[in-house]
Amino acid sequence: MHVEPAKFDWKGYLRRFIGNSSIVYTKKLRRKYNKRYSGNPGLKIKFKNNILVGVDTSGSVNNDELKEFMSELYHMHKTGHKITVAQCDTSLNSVKEFNPKHDWEIHGRGGTDFQPVIDHFNENKGQYTALIYLTDGEAYAPKNCPKNTLWVLSSISDMNDELPGKVIKLN
């Protein structure tokens, strides 16, 4: 699999975008001592984020755009966040954790509807920290869209100003 260089600064953007909705894990360490209170174990603080990435697999998205989305998913995964991919055309076809070592199987290729992924995100509210939707933008704006939604439009798509939340276009 050939991975293109990232078309977007995912590391910096995800840090700013998800910064206030992080899940924090603390772990006590026996080897490292607490600098403030001697004799007590030290703490290791880890931030865990599970990002739901909706991928538009409708017929209007061509194979080059899907390759572009796959490349961006790979770069999102490299930032250290857990990525769950939801493939959707008019219905939710597949929801799986992203693994860059496995080949990507495309499900769908029908019409376009953003609502099933939005509904999945809202039904599993505590499970995901943010929603990123990779699409060509050719559909109506969904209802009940969460505040922390980022719409990523492919490089050959037209801008869709009706989408709620932040919208960026890959160049």
Protein backbone atom coordinates (compact mmCIF):
# COMPACT_ATOMS: atom_id res chain seq x y z
CA MET A 1 0.00 0.00 0.00
CA HIS A 2 1.41 3.37 -1.03
CA VAL A 3 0.60 6.18 1.40
CA GLU A 4 0.60 9.75 0.12
CA PRO A 5 2.00 12.48 2.38
CA ALA A 6 -0.65 14.13 4.57
CA LYS A 7 -2.51 16.96 2.85
CA PHE A 8 -3.39 18.44 6.21
CA ASP A 9 -1.61 18.97 9.56
CA TRP A 10 -3.60 16.36 11.50
CA LYS A 11 -1.37 16.33 14.57
CA GLY A 12 -1.71 20.06 15.26
CA TYR A 13 -5.36 20.29 14.26
CA LEU A 14 -6.53 17.26 16.25
CA ARG A 15 -4.72 18.57 19.32
CA ARG A 16 -6.64 21.86 19.06
CA PHE A 17 -9.93 20.30 17.90
CA ILE A 18 -10.15 17.55 20.53
CA GLY A 19 -8.23 19.31 23.29
CA ASN A 20 -11.22 20.06 25.52
CA SER A 21 -12.97 16.69 25.05
CA SER A 22 -10.16 14.32 26.04
CA ILE A 23 -10.53 11.29 28.28
CA VAL A 24 -7.68 11.23 30.80
CA TYR A 25 -6.22 8.06 32.30
CA THR A 26 -3.82 8.15 35.24
CA LYS A 27 -1.59 5.27 36.22
CA LYS A 28 0.48 4.93 39.39
CA LEU A 29 4.13 4.03 38.82
CA ARG A 30 6.25 2.27 41.42
CA ARG A 31 9.61 3.01 39.78
CA LYS A 32 9.02 6.72 39.42
CA TYR A 33 8.50 8.60 42.67
CA ASN A 34 6.29 11.58 43.25
CA LYS A 35 8.39 14.76 43.30
CA ARG A 36 5.95 16.62 45.52
CA TYR A 37 5.29 13.90 48.13
CA SER A 38 8.31 11.70 48.75
CA GLY A 39 7.56 8.04 49.41
CA ASN A 40 4.46 8.06 47.21
CA PRO A 41 4.36 6.53 43.71
CA GLY A 42 4.51 8.82 40.70
CA LEU A 43 1.71 9.30 38.23
CA LYS A 44 1.67 8.79 34.49
CA ILE A 45 -1.03 10.77 32.69
CA LYS A 46 -2.32 9.51 29.33
CA PHE A 47 -4.92 11.04 27.06
CA LYS A 48 -7.13 8.58 25.20
CA ASN A 49 -9.42 9.76 22.46
CA ASN A 50 -11.67 7.64 20.30
CA ILE A 51 -12.53 9.54 17.14
CA LEU A 52 -15.41 8.39 14.97
CA VAL A 53 -14.50 8.97 11.33
CA GLY A 54 -17.43 8.74 8.94
CA VAL A 55 -16.37 7.84 5.40
CA ASP A 56 -18.73 8.60 2.54
CA THR A 57 -18.71 5.43 0.38
CA SER A 58 -21.50 6.56 -1.95
CA GLY A 59 -21.36 6.23 -5.72
CA SER A 60 -20.53 9.93 -6.14
CA VAL A 61 -17.15 9.38 -4.40
CA ASN A 62 -14.64 8.01 -6.91
CA ASN A 63 -11.75 5.62 -6.18
CA ASP A 64 -9.14 8.42 -6.15
CA GLU A 65 -11.11 10.22 -3.42
CA LEU A 66 -11.35 6.97 -1.42
CA LYS A 67 -7.55 6.56 -1.71
CA GLU A 68 -7.17 10.16 -0.52
CA PHE A 69 -9.48 9.42 2.47
CA MET A 70 -7.51 6.24 3.28
CA SER A 71 -4.25 8.19 3.27
CA GLU A 72 -5.70 10.86 5.60
CA LEU A 73 -7.05 8.12 7.93
CA TYR A 74 -3.54 6.66 8.11
CA HIS A 75 -2.11 10.06 9.11
CA MET A 76 -4.89 10.59 11.70
CA HIS A 77 -4.05 7.18 13.18
CA LYS A 78 -0.35 8.14 13.43
CA THR A 79 -1.27 10.99 15.84
CA GLY A 80 -1.90 8.34 18.53
CA HIS A 81 -5.69 8.61 18.71
CA LYS A 82 -7.95 5.57 18.41
CA ILE A 83 -9.81 5.84 15.10
CA THR A 84 -13.14 4.08 14.49
CA VAL A 85 -14.24 4.11 10.85
CA ALA A 86 -17.95 4.17 9.96
CA GLN A 87 -18.59 3.55 6.26
CA CYS A 88 -21.89 4.97 5.08
CA ASP A 89 -23.82 5.59 1.86
CA THR A 90 -27.58 5.75 2.59
CA SER A 91 -27.17 3.45 5.61
CA LEU A 92 -24.39 2.52 8.02
CA ASN A 93 -22.51 -0.34 6.31
CA SER A 94 -19.52 -1.01 8.57
CA VAL A 95 -18.22 0.30 11.91
CA LYS A 96 -14.70 -0.96 12.70
CA GLU A 97 -11.57 0.21 14.47
CA PHE A 98 -9.01 1.45 11.93
CA ASN A 99 -5.96 -0.76 11.50
CA PRO A 100 -3.38 0.52 8.98
CA LYS A 101 -1.89 -2.99 8.56
CA HIS A 102 -5.07 -4.46 7.06
CA ASP A 103 -6.49 -3.79 3.61
CA TRP A 104 -9.57 -1.64 3.53
CA GLU A 105 -12.77 -3.24 2.28
CA ILE A 106 -15.27 -0.75 0.83
CA HIS A 107 -18.95 -1.30 1.63
CA GLY A 108 -21.75 0.67 0.01
CA ARG A 109 -21.51 2.58 -3.30
CA GLY A 110 -25.20 3.65 -3.29
CA GLY A 111 -26.72 7.09 -2.63
CA THR A 112 -25.56 9.59 0.02
CA ASP A 113 -26.99 10.30 3.47
CA PHE A 114 -24.99 11.74 6.38
CA GLN A 115 -27.67 11.09 9.02
CA PRO A 116 -26.88 7.41 9.92
CA VAL A 117 -23.33 8.28 11.10
CA ILE A 118 -24.63 11.30 13.06
CA ASP A 119 -27.28 9.08 14.71
CA HIS A 120 -24.64 6.44 15.55
CA PHE A 121 -22.43 9.11 17.15
CA ASN A 122 -25.36 10.52 19.20
CA GLU A 123 -26.52 7.03 20.35
CA ASN A 124 -22.99 6.18 21.61
CA LYS A 125 -22.32 9.59 23.15
CA GLY A 126 -19.75 8.63 25.79
CA GLN A 127 -17.82 6.31 23.49
CA TYR A 128 -16.45 8.90 21.01
CA THR A 129 -14.74 12.20 21.70
CA ALA A 130 -15.21 13.76 18.25
CA LEU A 131 -16.66 13.14 14.79
CA ILE A 132 -14.77 13.67 11.54
CA TYR A 133 -16.63 13.08 8.28
CA LEU A 134 -14.64 12.44 5.08
CA THR A 135 -16.91 13.19 2.12
CA ASP A 136 -17.37 14.85 -1.24
CA GLY A 137 -20.09 17.01 0.38
CA GLU A 138 -22.80 16.07 -2.12
CA ALA A 139 -25.79 15.57 0.21
CA TYR A 140 -28.19 17.51 2.40
CA ALA A 141 -27.05 18.75 5.81
CA PRO A 142 -27.94 16.32 8.63
CA LYS A 143 -30.05 17.08 11.73
CA ASN A 144 -28.84 16.90 15.39
CA CYS A 145 -25.21 17.29 14.35
CA PRO A 146 -22.82 17.33 17.36
CA LYS A 147 -20.81 20.49 18.05
CA ASN A 148 -17.43 18.79 17.72
CA THR A 149 -17.90 17.74 14.08
CA LEU A 150 -15.30 18.33 11.39
CA TRP A 151 -16.27 17.94 7.73
CA VAL A 152 -13.32 17.09 5.47
CA LEU A 153 -14.10 17.55 1.78
CA SER A 154 -11.98 15.81 -0.88
CA SER A 155 -9.65 17.86 -3.05
CA ILE A 156 -11.88 17.60 -6.16
CA SER A 157 -15.20 18.33 -4.43
CA ASP A 158 -17.16 21.58 -4.37
CA MET A 159 -17.62 23.46 -1.08
CA ASN A 160 -20.88 22.71 0.73
CA ASP A 161 -21.73 25.72 2.93
CA GLU A 162 -24.84 24.07 4.44
CA LEU A 163 -22.86 21.58 6.56
CA PRO A 164 -23.00 22.34 10.32
CA GLY A 165 -19.68 22.60 12.19
CA LYS A 166 -16.19 23.21 10.82
CA VAL A 167 -15.55 22.46 7.14
CA ILE A 168 -12.09 22.04 5.59
CA LYS A 169 -11.07 21.05 2.08
CA LEU A 170 -8.02 18.91 1.28
CA ASN A 171 -5.67 20.61 -1.19
